[in-house]
Amino acid sequence: MTNAINWFEIPVADMSRAIRFYEAALGTKLKTEELPGTKLAVFPGDGVAGALKADGKRHPTTEGSLVYFHVGHGSGALDTAIERVRAAGGQILVPVTDIGKDGWFAVVGDSEGNAVGLHAPR
């Protein structure tokens, strides 16, 4: 099956700060790349991929599209991710919410002023 999404970009103002936040909040390592006029920090994963992007054309916002990151299975995985977000200086915009058979989600504010979702299936 083809995914509805195959690539995403999260705009950032300060790439170093954003990398520190996402690596701490998601417990992962991002790979940096530079293209003419653009800096990227690519998230690891198979299938759907994406990156932090600093190019001065798009700006962080809590409005608009919302990307959800998979943080593991079960409510404990989401609780752990929320703790990492807080420790990394992020804000909780929507608290952990039970969505029935589909698990749990929360929406957090990152270091740059973006809103991003976190999801943990049952």
PDB file of N, CA and C in Angstrom:
ATOM      1  N   MET A   1       0.845  -1.192   0.000  1.00  0.00           N
ATOM      2  CA  MET A   1       0.000   0.000   0.000  1.00  0.00           C
ATOM      3  C   MET A   1       0.880   1.241   0.000  1.00  0.00           C
ATOM      4  N   THR A   2       0.504   2.223  -0.748  1.00  0.00           N
ATOM      5  CA  THR A   2       1.227   3.486  -0.807  1.00  0.00           C
ATOM      6  C   THR A   2       0.770   4.383   0.330  1.00  0.00           C
ATOM      7  N   ASN A   3       1.719   5.028   1.000  1.00  0.00           N
ATOM      8  CA  ASN A   3       1.379   5.976   2.057  1.00  0.00           C
ATOM      9  C   ASN A   3       0.848   7.259   1.434  1.00  0.00           C
ATOM     10  N   ALA A   4      -0.042   7.926   2.148  1.00  0.00           N
ATOM     11  CA  ALA A   4      -0.559   9.209   1.680  1.00  0.00           C
ATOM     12  C   ALA A   4       0.540  10.270   1.707  1.00  0.00           C
ATOM     13  N   ILE A   5       1.508  10.097   2.579  1.00  0.00           N
ATOM     14  CA  ILE A   5       2.617  11.036   2.707  1.00  0.00           C
ATOM     15  C   ILE A   5       3.910  10.274   2.454  1.00  0.00           C
ATOM     16  N   ASN A   6       4.847  10.889   1.724  1.00  0.00           N
ATOM     17  CA  ASN A   6       6.135  10.239   1.525  1.00  0.00           C
ATOM     18  C   ASN A   6       7.309  11.108   1.991  1.00  0.00           C
ATOM     19  N   TRP A   7       7.075  12.396   2.251  1.00  0.00           N
ATOM     20  CA  TRP A   7       8.137  13.291   2.728  1.00  0.00           C
ATOM     21  C   TRP A   7       7.492  14.455   3.455  1.00  0.00           C
ATOM     22  N   PHE A   8       8.119  14.917   4.538  1.00  0.00           N
ATOM     23  CA  PHE A   8       7.647  16.116   5.229  1.00  0.00           C
ATOM     24  C   PHE A   8       8.844  16.976   5.600  1.00  0.00           C
ATOM     25  N   GLU A   9       8.596  18.258   5.770  1.00  0.00           N
ATOM     26  CA  GLU A   9       9.625  19.199   6.208  1.00  0.00           C
ATOM     27  C   GLU A   9       9.043  20.082   7.302  1.00  0.00           C
ATOM     28  N   ILE A  10       9.796  20.236   8.369  1.00  0.00           N
ATOM     29  CA  ILE A  10       9.403  21.092   9.482  1.00  0.00           C
ATOM     30  C   ILE A  10      10.330  22.303   9.454  1.00  0.00           C
ATOM     31  N   PRO A  11       9.777  23.499   9.243  1.00  0.00           N
ATOM     32  CA  PRO A  11      10.633  24.686   9.168  1.00  0.00           C
ATOM     33  C   PRO A  11      11.227  25.050  10.522  1.00  0.00           C
ATOM     34  N   VAL A  12      12.486  25.455  10.504  1.00  0.00           N
ATOM     35  CA  VAL A  12      13.166  25.851  11.740  1.00  0.00           C
ATOM     36  C   VAL A  12      13.911  27.158  11.519  1.00  0.00           C
ATOM     37  N   ALA A  13      14.058  27.910  12.600  1.00  0.00           N
ATOM     38  CA  ALA A  13      14.820  29.159  12.548  1.00  0.00           C
ATOM     39  C   ALA A  13      16.273  28.932  12.942  1.00  0.00           C
ATOM     40  N   ASP A  14      16.498  28.058  13.907  1.00  0.00           N
ATOM     41  CA  ASP A  14      17.845  27.782  14.417  1.00  0.00           C
ATOM     42  C   ASP A  14      18.071  26.275  14.327  1.00  0.00           C
ATOM     43  N   MET A  15      18.792  25.830  13.304  1.00  0.00           N
ATOM     44  CA  MET A  15      18.956  24.403  13.041  1.00  0.00           C
ATOM     45  C   MET A  15      19.615  23.670  14.206  1.00  0.00           C
ATOM     46  N   SER A  16      20.668  24.224  14.779  1.00  0.00           N
ATOM     47  CA  SER A  16      21.353  23.553  15.891  1.00  0.00           C
ATOM     48  C   SER A  16      20.422  23.347  17.074  1.00  0.00           C
ATOM     49  N   ARG A  17      19.667  24.377  17.419  1.00  0.00           N
ATOM     50  CA  ARG A  17      18.723  24.286  18.539  1.00  0.00           C
ATOM     51  C   ARG A  17      17.640  23.255  18.233  1.00  0.00           C
ATOM     52  N   ALA A  18      17.133  23.274  17.015  1.00  0.00           N
ATOM     53  CA  ALA A  18      16.080  22.336  16.624  1.00  0.00           C
ATOM     54  C   ALA A  18      16.582  20.892  16.643  1.00  0.00           C
ATOM     55  N   ILE A  19      17.788  20.668  16.164  1.00  0.00           N
ATOM     56  CA  ILE A  19      18.367  19.311  16.199  1.00  0.00           C
ATOM     57  C   ILE A  19      18.475  18.834  17.644  1.00  0.00           C
ATOM     58  N   ARG A  20      18.989  19.682  18.530  1.00  0.00           N
ATOM     59  CA  ARG A  20      19.102  19.300  19.945  1.00  0.00           C
ATOM     60  C   ARG A  20      17.739  18.931  20.510  1.00  0.00           C
ATOM     61  N   PHE A  21      16.720  19.742  20.192  1.00  0.00           N
ATOM     62  CA  PHE A  21      15.374  19.481  20.710  1.00  0.00           C
ATOM     63  C   PHE A  21      14.849  18.139  20.205  1.00  0.00           C
ATOM     64  N   TYR A  22      14.850  17.927  18.902  1.00  0.00           N
ATOM     65  CA  TYR A  22      14.260  16.710  18.346  1.00  0.00           C
ATOM     66  C   TYR A  22      15.043  15.451  18.707  1.00  0.00           C
ATOM     67  N   GLU A  23      16.348  15.542  18.751  1.00  0.00           N
ATOM     68  CA  GLU A  23      17.121  14.372  19.166  1.00  0.00           C
ATOM     69  C   GLU A  23      16.807  14.009  20.612  1.00  0.00           C
ATOM     70  N   ALA A  24      16.682  15.005  21.484  1.00  0.00           N
ATOM     71  CA  ALA A  24      16.354  14.743  22.887  1.00  0.00           C
ATOM     72  C   ALA A  24      14.902  14.301  23.042  1.00  0.00           C
ATOM     73  N   ALA A  25      13.984  14.988  22.398  1.00  0.00           N
ATOM     74  CA  ALA A  25      12.561  14.699  22.563  1.00  0.00           C
ATOM     75  C   ALA A  25      12.169  13.343  21.990  1.00  0.00           C
ATOM     76  N   LEU A  26      12.766  12.954  20.870  1.00  0.00           N
ATOM     77  CA  LEU A  26      12.402  11.697  20.223  1.00  0.00           C
ATOM     78  C   LEU A  26      13.404  10.577  20.500  1.00  0.00           C
ATOM     79  N   GLY A  27      14.482  10.893  21.198  1.00  0.00           N
ATOM     80  CA  GLY A  27      15.471   9.873  21.506  1.00  0.00           C
ATOM     81  C   GLY A  27      16.086   9.268  20.260  1.00  0.00           C
ATOM     82  N   THR A  28      16.445  10.110  19.295  1.00  0.00           N
ATOM     83  CA  THR A  28      16.971   9.636  18.021  1.00  0.00           C
ATOM     84  C   THR A  28      18.135  10.505  17.578  1.00  0.00           C
ATOM     85  N   LYS A  29      18.725  10.164  16.477  1.00  0.00           N
ATOM     86  CA  LYS A  29      19.832  10.940  15.899  1.00  0.00           C
ATOM     87  C   LYS A  29      19.420  11.375  14.497  1.00  0.00           C
ATOM     88  N   LEU A  30      19.580  12.650  14.182  1.00  0.00           N
ATOM     89  CA  LEU A  30      19.272  13.177  12.858  1.00  0.00           C
ATOM     90  C   LEU A  30      20.544  13.301  12.035  1.00  0.00           C
ATOM     91  N   LYS A  31      20.404  13.164  10.735  1.00  0.00           N
ATOM     92  CA  LYS A  31      21.538  13.269   9.818  1.00  0.00           C
ATOM     93  C   LYS A  31      21.467  14.626   9.121  1.00  0.00           C
ATOM     94  N   THR A  32      22.520  15.421   9.238  1.00  0.00           N
ATOM     95  CA  THR A  32      22.514  16.741   8.617  1.00  0.00           C
ATOM     96  C   THR A  32      22.984  16.665   7.170  1.00  0.00           C
ATOM     97  N   GLU A  33      22.382  17.514   6.343  1.00  0.00           N
ATOM     98  CA  GLU A  33      22.740  17.633   4.932  1.00  0.00           C
ATOM     99  C   GLU A  33      22.637  19.100   4.542  1.00  0.00           C
ATOM    100  N   GLU A  34      23.431  19.509   3.587  1.00  0.00           N
ATOM    101  CA  GLU A  34      23.351  20.875   3.062  1.00  0.00           C
ATOM    102  C   GLU A  34      23.166  20.828   1.571  1.00  0.00           C
ATOM    103  N   LEU A  35      22.204  21.597   1.106  1.00  0.00           N
ATOM    104  CA  LEU A  35      21.955  21.803  -0.312  1.00  0.00           C
ATOM    105  C   LEU A  35      22.144  23.294  -0.551  1.00  0.00           C
ATOM    106  N   PRO A  36      22.282  23.731  -1.767  1.00  0.00           N
ATOM    107  CA  PRO A  36      22.432  25.172  -2.004  1.00  0.00           C
ATOM    108  C   PRO A  36      21.275  25.975  -1.368  1.00  0.00           C
ATOM    109  N   GLY A  37      21.609  26.804  -0.403  1.00  0.00           N
ATOM    110  CA  GLY A  37      20.621  27.655   0.250  1.00  0.00           C
ATOM    111  C   GLY A  37      19.722  26.961   1.256  1.00  0.00           C
ATOM    112  N   THR A  38      19.982  25.694   1.545  1.00  0.00           N
ATOM    113  CA  THR A  38      19.111  24.929   2.435  1.00  0.00           C
ATOM    114  C   THR A  38      19.920  24.022   3.341  1.00  0.00           C
ATOM    115  N   LYS A  39      19.551  23.999   4.604  1.00  0.00           N
ATOM    116  CA  LYS A  39      20.113  23.046   5.553  1.00  0.00           C
ATOM    117  C   LYS A  39      18.997  22.092   5.959  1.00  0.00           C
ATOM    118  N   LEU A  40      19.332  20.799   6.003  1.00  0.00           N
ATOM    119  CA  LEU A  40      18.380  19.780   6.408  1.00  0.00           C
ATOM    120  C   LEU A  40      18.942  18.963   7.556  1.00  0.00           C
ATOM    121  N   ALA A  41      18.062  18.453   8.396  1.00  0.00           N
ATOM    122  CA  ALA A  41      18.393  17.444   9.399  1.00  0.00           C
ATOM    123  C   ALA A  41      17.338  16.360   9.228  1.00  0.00           C
ATOM    124  N   VAL A  42      17.749  15.229   8.682  1.00  0.00           N
ATOM    125  CA  VAL A  42      16.826  14.177   8.254  1.00  0.00           C
ATOM    126  C   VAL A  42      16.563  13.191   9.389  1.00  0.00           C
ATOM    127  N   PHE A  43      15.272  12.877   9.590  1.00  0.00           N
ATOM    128  CA  PHE A  43      14.862  11.896  10.582  1.00  0.00           C
ATOM    129  C   PHE A  43      15.128  10.492  10.057  1.00  0.00           C
ATOM    130  N   PRO A  44      15.558   9.569  10.930  1.00  0.00           N
ATOM    131  CA  PRO A  44      15.760   8.197  10.490  1.00  0.00           C
ATOM    132  C   PRO A  44      14.418   7.492  10.314  1.00  0.00           C
ATOM    133  N   GLY A  45      14.410   6.428   9.533  1.00  0.00           N
ATOM    134  CA  GLY A  45      13.198   5.635   9.405  1.00  0.00           C
ATOM    135  C   GLY A  45      13.092   4.975   8.054  1.00  0.00           C
ATOM    136  N   ASP A  46      12.185   4.027   7.989  1.00  0.00           N
ATOM    137  CA  ASP A  46      11.883   3.337   6.742  1.00  0.00           C
ATOM    138  C   ASP A  46      10.544   3.837   6.232  1.00  0.00           C
ATOM    139  N   GLY A  47      10.393   3.919   4.940  1.00  0.00           N
ATOM    140  CA  GLY A  47       9.120   4.368   4.381  1.00  0.00           C
ATOM    141  C   GLY A  47       9.032   5.876   4.353  1.00  0.00           C
ATOM    142  N   VAL A  48       8.034   6.426   5.032  1.00  0.00           N
ATOM    143  CA  VAL A  48       7.846   7.873   5.060  1.00  0.00           C
ATOM    144  C   VAL A  48       9.046   8.517   5.736  1.00  0.00           C
ATOM    145  N   ALA A  49       9.576   9.558   5.129  1.00  0.00           N
ATOM    146  CA  ALA A  49      10.750  10.247   5.665  1.00  0.00           C
ATOM    147  C   ALA A  49      10.490  11.745   5.719  1.00  0.00           C
ATOM    148  N   GLY A  50      11.361  12.450   6.427  1.00  0.00           N
ATOM    149  CA  GLY A  50      11.218  13.892   6.508  1.00  0.00           C
ATOM    150  C   GLY A  50      12.413  14.514   7.195  1.00  0.00           C
ATOM    151  N   ALA A  51      12.372  15.839   7.301  1.00  0.00           N
ATOM    152  CA  ALA A  51      13.525  16.560   7.830  1.00  0.00           C
ATOM    153  C   ALA A  51      13.117  17.885   8.441  1.00  0.00           C
ATOM    154  N   LEU A  52      13.991  18.377   9.296  1.00  0.00           N
ATOM    155  CA  LEU A  52      13.953  19.777   9.698  1.00  0.00           C
ATOM    156  C   LEU A  52      14.561  20.542   8.541  1.00  0.00           C
ATOM    157  N   LYS A  53      14.053  21.729   8.260  1.00  0.00           N
ATOM    158  CA  LYS A  53      14.567  22.491   7.115  1.00  0.00           C
ATOM    159  C   LYS A  53      14.727  23.954   7.488  1.00  0.00           C
ATOM    160  N   ALA A  54      15.909  24.485   7.203  1.00  0.00           N
ATOM    161  CA  ALA A  54      16.189  25.912   7.414  1.00  0.00           C
ATOM    162  C   ALA A  54      16.607  26.503   6.077  1.00  0.00           C
ATOM    163  N   ASP A  55      15.727  27.322   5.504  1.00  0.00           N
ATOM    164  CA  ASP A  55      16.058  27.984   4.238  1.00  0.00           C
ATOM    165  C   ASP A  55      15.574  29.420   4.194  1.00  0.00           C
ATOM    166  N   GLY A  56      14.909  29.884   5.263  1.00  0.00           N
ATOM    167  CA  GLY A  56      14.426  31.254   5.315  1.00  0.00           C
ATOM    168  C   GLY A  56      13.157  31.513   4.520  1.00  0.00           C
ATOM    169  N   LYS A  57      12.650  30.515   3.822  1.00  0.00           N
ATOM    170  CA  LYS A  57      11.441  30.697   3.009  1.00  0.00           C
ATOM    171  C   LYS A  57      10.173  30.352   3.779  1.00  0.00           C
ATOM    172  N   ARG A  58      10.242  29.332   4.611  1.00  0.00           N
ATOM    173  CA  ARG A  58       9.104  28.938   5.441  1.00  0.00           C
ATOM    174  C   ARG A  58       9.480  29.186   6.890  1.00  0.00           C
ATOM    175  N   HIS A  59       8.497  29.472   7.702  1.00  0.00           N
ATOM    176  CA  HIS A  59       8.760  29.846   9.080  1.00  0.00           C
ATOM    177  C   HIS A  59       7.961  28.978  10.039  1.00  0.00           C
ATOM    178  N   PRO A  60       8.514  28.694  11.213  1.00  0.00           N
ATOM    179  CA  PRO A  60       7.814  27.884  12.204  1.00  0.00           C
ATOM    180  C   PRO A  60       6.450  28.472  12.544  1.00  0.00           C
ATOM    181  N   THR A  61       5.487  27.583  12.818  1.00  0.00           N
ATOM    182  CA  THR A  61       4.143  28.014  13.177  1.00  0.00           C
ATOM    183  C   THR A  61       3.416  26.916  13.932  1.00  0.00           C
ATOM    184  N   THR A  62       2.445  27.304  14.728  1.00  0.00           N
ATOM    185  CA  THR A  62       1.573  26.330  15.368  1.00  0.00           C
ATOM    186  C   THR A  62       0.298  26.152  14.554  1.00  0.00           C
ATOM    187  N   GLU A  63       0.186  26.868  13.461  1.00  0.00           N
ATOM    188  CA  GLU A  63      -0.985  26.787  12.584  1.00  0.00           C
ATOM    189  C   GLU A  63      -0.606  26.032  11.314  1.00  0.00           C
ATOM    190  N   GLY A  64      -1.564  25.458  10.663  1.00  0.00           N
ATOM    191  CA  GLY A  64      -1.281  24.751   9.418  1.00  0.00           C
ATOM    192  C   GLY A  64      -1.187  23.251   9.633  1.00  0.00           C
ATOM    193  N   SER A  65      -0.446  22.583   8.765  1.00  0.00           N
ATOM    194  CA  SER A  65      -0.330  21.128   8.813  1.00  0.00           C
ATOM    195  C   SER A  65       0.295  20.667  10.121  1.00  0.00           C
ATOM    196  N   LEU A  66      -0.093  19.464  10.536  1.00  0.00           N
ATOM    197  CA  LEU A  66       0.414  18.892  11.771  1.00  0.00           C
ATOM    198  C   LEU A  66       0.987  17.511  11.466  1.00  0.00           C
ATOM    199  N   VAL A  67       2.272  17.325  11.728  1.00  0.00           N
ATOM    200  CA  VAL A  67       2.959  16.058  11.523  1.00  0.00           C
ATOM    201  C   VAL A  67       2.945  15.303  12.850  1.00  0.00           C
ATOM    202  N   TYR A  68       2.613  14.002  12.803  1.00  0.00           N
ATOM    203  CA  TYR A  68       2.627  13.157  14.001  1.00  0.00           C
ATOM    204  C   TYR A  68       3.799  12.193  13.937  1.00  0.00           C
ATOM    205  N   PHE A  69       4.575  12.129  15.020  1.00  0.00           N
ATOM    206  CA  PHE A  69       5.680  11.192  15.142  1.00  0.00           C
ATOM    207  C   PHE A  69       5.244   9.977  15.943  1.00  0.00           C
ATOM    208  N   HIS A  70       5.598   8.798  15.468  1.00  0.00           N
ATOM    209  CA  HIS A  70       5.367   7.554  16.191  1.00  0.00           C
ATOM    210  C   HIS A  70       6.415   7.472  17.296  1.00  0.00           C
ATOM    211  N   VAL A  71       5.976   7.278  18.540  1.00  0.00           N
ATOM    212  CA  VAL A  71       6.913   7.267  19.665  1.00  0.00           C
ATOM    213  C   VAL A  71       6.983   5.913  20.366  1.00  0.00           C
ATOM    214  N   GLY A  72       6.415   4.881  19.789  1.00  0.00           N
ATOM    215  CA  GLY A  72       6.394   3.559  20.398  1.00  0.00           C
ATOM    216  C   GLY A  72       4.967   3.131  20.651  1.00  0.00           C
ATOM    217  N   HIS A  73       4.797   1.946  21.204  1.00  0.00           N
ATOM    218  CA  HIS A  73       3.457   1.405  21.460  1.00  0.00           C
ATOM    219  C   HIS A  73       3.082   1.544  22.928  1.00  0.00           C
ATOM    220  N   GLY A  74       1.834   1.900  23.173  1.00  0.00           N
ATOM    221  CA  GLY A  74       1.301   1.978  24.521  1.00  0.00           C
ATOM    222  C   GLY A  74       1.415   3.365  25.131  1.00  0.00           C
ATOM    223  N   SER A  75       0.559   3.587  26.124  1.00  0.00           N
ATOM    224  CA  SER A  75       0.525   4.908  26.763  1.00  0.00           C
ATOM    225  C   SER A  75       1.832   5.226  27.475  1.00  0.00           C
ATOM    226  N   GLY A  76       2.537   4.211  27.950  1.00  0.00           N
ATOM    227  CA  GLY A  76       3.827   4.446  28.606  1.00  0.00           C
ATOM    228  C   GLY A  76       4.844   5.062  27.670  1.00  0.00           C
ATOM    229  N   ALA A  77       4.820   4.628  26.403  1.00  0.00           N
ATOM    230  CA  ALA A  77       5.745   5.193  25.413  1.00  0.00           C
ATOM    231  C   ALA A  77       5.460   6.675  25.199  1.00  0.00           C
ATOM    232  N   LEU A  78       4.191   7.044  25.159  1.00  0.00           N
ATOM    233  CA  LEU A  78       3.836   8.451  24.975  1.00  0.00           C
ATOM    234  C   LEU A  78       4.188   9.258  26.222  1.00  0.00           C
ATOM    235  N   ASP A  79       3.952   8.701  27.403  1.00  0.00           N
ATOM    236  CA  ASP A  79       4.335   9.394  28.637  1.00  0.00           C
ATOM    237  C   ASP A  79       5.834   9.669  28.672  1.00  0.00           C
ATOM    238  N   THR A  80       6.633   8.689  28.251  1.00  0.00           N
ATOM    239  CA  THR A  80       8.085   8.862  28.210  1.00  0.00           C
ATOM    240  C   THR A  80       8.472   9.964  27.230  1.00  0.00           C
ATOM    241  N   ALA A  81       7.832   9.971  26.058  1.00  0.00           N
ATOM    242  CA  ALA A  81       8.111  11.009  25.063  1.00  0.00           C
ATOM    243  C   ALA A  81       7.752  12.392  25.598  1.00  0.00           C
ATOM    244  N   ILE A  82       6.638  12.504  26.303  1.00  0.00           N
ATOM    245  CA  ILE A  82       6.218  13.786  26.889  1.00  0.00           C
ATOM    246  C   ILE A  82       7.262  14.259  27.904  1.00  0.00           C
ATOM    247  N   GLU A  83       7.781  13.346  28.711  1.00  0.00           N
ATOM    248  CA  GLU A  83       8.829  13.708  29.675  1.00  0.00           C
ATOM    249  C   GLU A  83      10.063  14.233  28.949  1.00  0.00           C
ATOM    250  N   ARG A  84      10.438  13.584  27.830  1.00  0.00           N
ATOM    251  CA  ARG A  84      11.609  14.040  27.071  1.00  0.00           C
ATOM    252  C   ARG A  84      11.355  15.409  26.450  1.00  0.00           C
ATOM    253  N   VAL A  85      10.140  15.644  25.960  1.00  0.00           N
ATOM    254  CA  VAL A  85       9.791  16.948  25.386  1.00  0.00           C
ATOM    255  C   VAL A  85       9.940  18.037  26.447  1.00  0.00           C
ATOM    256  N   ARG A  86       9.393  17.795  27.613  1.00  0.00           N
ATOM    257  CA  ARG A  86       9.504  18.791  28.702  1.00  0.00           C
ATOM    258  C   ARG A  86      10.958  19.055  29.055  1.00  0.00           C
ATOM    259  N   ALA A  87      11.743  17.977  29.172  1.00  0.00           N
ATOM    260  CA  ALA A  87      13.163  18.123  29.527  1.00  0.00           C
ATOM    261  C   ALA A  87      13.940  18.878  28.451  1.00  0.00           C
ATOM    262  N   ALA A  88      13.492  18.772  27.195  1.00  0.00           N
ATOM    263  CA  ALA A  88      14.159  19.453  26.078  1.00  0.00           C
ATOM    264  C   ALA A  88      13.670  20.894  25.915  1.00  0.00           C
ATOM    265  N   GLY A  89      12.734  21.328  26.758  1.00  0.00           N
ATOM    266  CA  GLY A  89      12.249  22.706  26.707  1.00  0.00           C
ATOM    267  C   GLY A  89      10.989  22.904  25.888  1.00  0.00           C
ATOM    268  N   GLY A  90      10.350  21.815  25.480  1.00  0.00           N
ATOM    269  CA  GLY A  90       9.114  21.916  24.701  1.00  0.00           C
ATOM    270  C   GLY A  90       7.905  22.159  25.585  1.00  0.00           C
ATOM    271  N   GLN A  91       6.804  22.496  24.940  1.00  0.00           N
ATOM    272  CA  GLN A  91       5.547  22.758  25.639  1.00  0.00           C
ATOM    273  C   GLN A  91       4.525  21.695  25.259  1.00  0.00           C
ATOM    274  N   ILE A  92       3.611  21.417  26.170  1.00  0.00           N
ATOM    275  CA  ILE A  92       2.512  20.503  25.883  1.00  0.00           C
ATOM    276  C   ILE A  92       1.330  21.368  25.454  1.00  0.00           C
ATOM    277  N   LEU A  93       0.926  21.266  24.194  1.00  0.00           N
ATOM    278  CA  LEU A  93      -0.176  22.069  23.660  1.00  0.00           C
ATOM    279  C   LEU A  93      -1.509  21.345  23.804  1.00  0.00           C
ATOM    280  N   VAL A  94      -1.506  20.030  23.590  1.00  0.00           N
ATOM    281  CA  VAL A  94      -2.673  19.175  23.813  1.00  0.00           C
ATOM    282  C   VAL A  94      -2.171  17.998  24.632  1.00  0.00           C
ATOM    283  N   PRO A  95      -2.719  17.788  25.831  1.00  0.00           N
ATOM    284  CA  PRO A  95      -2.218  16.713  26.681  1.00  0.00           C
ATOM    285  C   PRO A  95      -2.501  15.333  26.082  1.00  0.00           C
ATOM    286  N   VAL A  96      -1.888  14.319  26.665  1.00  0.00           N
ATOM    287  CA  VAL A  96      -2.107  12.947  26.220  1.00  0.00           C
ATOM    288  C   VAL A  96      -3.606  12.677  26.207  1.00  0.00           C
ATOM    289  N   THR A  97      -4.070  12.198  25.062  1.00  0.00           N
ATOM    290  CA  THR A  97      -5.492  11.957  24.857  1.00  0.00           C
ATOM    291  C   THR A  97      -5.699  10.540  24.358  1.00  0.00           C
ATOM    292  N   ASP A  98      -6.600   9.807  25.006  1.00  0.00           N
ATOM    293  CA  ASP A  98      -6.942   8.446  24.592  1.00  0.00           C
ATOM    294  C   ASP A  98      -7.887   8.539  23.404  1.00  0.00           C
ATOM    295  N   ILE A  99      -7.529   7.879  22.300  1.00  0.00           N
ATOM    296  CA  ILE A  99      -8.380   7.899  21.105  1.00  0.00           C
ATOM    297  C   ILE A  99      -8.902   6.493  20.785  1.00  0.00           C
ATOM    298  N   GLY A 100      -9.162   5.747  21.844  1.00  0.00           N
ATOM    299  CA  GLY A 100      -9.769   4.434  21.686  1.00  0.00           C
ATOM    300  C   GLY A 100      -8.832   3.415  21.060  1.00  0.00           C
ATOM    301  N   LYS A 101      -9.353   2.649  20.127  1.00  0.00           N
ATOM    302  CA  LYS A 101      -8.592   1.547  19.520  1.00  0.00           C
ATOM    303  C   LYS A 101      -7.316   2.018  18.823  1.00  0.00           C
ATOM    304  N   ASP A 102      -7.232   3.298  18.472  1.00  0.00           N
ATOM    305  CA  ASP A 102      -6.060   3.824  17.759  1.00  0.00           C
ATOM    306  C   ASP A 102      -4.943   4.284  18.677  1.00  0.00           C
ATOM    307  N   GLY A 103      -5.153   4.199  19.999  1.00  0.00           N
ATOM    308  CA  GLY A 103      -4.084   4.518  20.941  1.00  0.00           C
ATOM    309  C   GLY A 103      -4.219   5.860  21.616  1.00  0.00           C
ATOM    310  N   TRP A 104      -3.115   6.603  21.645  1.00  0.00           N
ATOM    311  CA  TRP A 104      -3.042   7.880  22.343  1.00  0.00           C
ATOM    312  C   TRP A 104      -2.259   8.881  21.503  1.00  0.00           C
ATOM    313  N   PHE A 105      -2.570  10.159  21.691  1.00  0.00           N
ATOM    314  CA  PHE A 105      -1.798  11.203  21.022  1.00  0.00           C
ATOM    315  C   PHE A 105      -1.645  12.394  21.947  1.00  0.00           C
ATOM    316  N   ALA A 106      -0.706  13.254  21.608  1.00  0.00           N
ATOM    317  CA  ALA A 106      -0.515  14.545  22.265  1.00  0.00           C
ATOM    318  C   ALA A 106       0.041  15.483  21.204  1.00  0.00           C
ATOM    319  N   VAL A 107      -0.103  16.773  21.428  1.00  0.00           N
ATOM    320  CA  VAL A 107       0.491  17.774  20.538  1.00  0.00           C
ATOM    321  C   VAL A 107       1.416  18.628  21.391  1.00  0.00           C
ATOM    322  N   VAL A 108       2.638  18.811  20.890  1.00  0.00           N
ATOM    323  CA  VAL A 108       3.641  19.565  21.636  1.00  0.00           C
ATOM    324  C   VAL A 108       4.158  20.731  20.806  1.00  0.00           C
ATOM    325  N   GLY A 109       4.706  21.712  21.496  1.00  0.00           N
ATOM    326  CA  GLY A 109       5.373  22.827  20.845  1.00  0.00           C
ATOM    327  C   GLY A 109       6.863  22.581  20.892  1.00  0.00           C
ATOM    328  N   ASP A 110       7.533  22.694  19.754  1.00  0.00           N
ATOM    329  CA  ASP A 110       8.976  22.440  19.701  1.00  0.00           C
ATOM    330  C   ASP A 110       9.783  23.689  20.060  1.00  0.00           C
ATOM    331  N   SER A 111      11.079  23.591  19.938  1.00  0.00           N
ATOM    332  CA  SER A 111      11.976  24.696  20.284  1.00  0.00           C
ATOM    333  C   SER A 111      11.862  25.878  19.341  1.00  0.00           C
ATOM    334  N   GLU A 112      11.257  25.660  18.171  1.00  0.00           N
ATOM    335  CA  GLU A 112      11.205  26.685  17.133  1.00  0.00           C
ATOM    336  C   GLU A 112       9.873  27.422  17.052  1.00  0.00           C
ATOM    337  N   GLY A 113       8.842  26.886  17.717  1.00  0.00           N
ATOM    338  CA  GLY A 113       7.517  27.485  17.633  1.00  0.00           C
ATOM    339  C   GLY A 113       6.559  26.709  16.765  1.00  0.00           C
ATOM    340  N   ASN A 114       6.933  25.482  16.375  1.00  0.00           N
ATOM    341  CA  ASN A 114       6.043  24.607  15.610  1.00  0.00           C
ATOM    342  C   ASN A 114       5.211  23.761  16.555  1.00  0.00           C
ATOM    343  N   ALA A 115       4.048  23.364  16.101  1.00  0.00           N
ATOM    344  CA  ALA A 115       3.248  22.344  16.774  1.00  0.00           C
ATOM    345  C   ALA A 115       3.505  21.030  16.041  1.00  0.00           C
ATOM    346  N   VAL A 116       3.795  19.969  16.798  1.00  0.00           N
ATOM    347  CA  VAL A 116       3.968  18.637  16.223  1.00  0.00           C
ATOM    348  C   VAL A 116       3.219  17.639  17.101  1.00  0.00           C
ATOM    349  N   GLY A 117       2.721  16.586  16.474  1.00  0.00           N
ATOM    350  CA  GLY A 117       2.003  15.566  17.198  1.00  0.00           C
ATOM    351  C   GLY A 117       2.882  14.396  17.560  1.00  0.00           C
ATOM    352  N   LEU A 118       2.494  13.720  18.633  1.00  0.00           N
ATOM    353  CA  LEU A 118       3.128  12.475  19.038  1.00  0.00           C
ATOM    354  C   LEU A 118       2.023  11.422  19.113  1.00  0.00           C
ATOM    355  N   HIS A 119       2.297  10.210  18.639  1.00  0.00           N
ATOM    356  CA  HIS A 119       1.278   9.158  18.615  1.00  0.00           C
ATOM    357  C   HIS A 119       1.860   7.843  19.088  1.00  0.00           C
ATOM    358  N   ALA A 120       1.103   7.132  19.890  1.00  0.00           N
ATOM    359  CA  ALA A 120       1.473   5.780  20.333  1.00  0.00           C
ATOM    360  C   ALA A 120       0.259   4.883  20.140  1.00  0.00           C
ATOM    361  N   PRO A 121       0.305   3.948  19.203  1.00  0.00           N
ATOM    362  CA  PRO A 121      -0.814   3.023  19.037  1.00  0.00           C
ATOM    363  C   PRO A 121      -0.880   2.042  20.213  1.00  0.00           C
ATOM    364  N   ARG A 122      -2.022   1.423  20.371  1.00  0.00           N
ATOM    365  CA  ARG A 122      -2.204   0.414  21.443  1.00  0.00           C
ATOM    366  C   ARG A 122      -1.348  -0.789  21.148  1.00  0.00           C
TER     367      ARG A 122
END
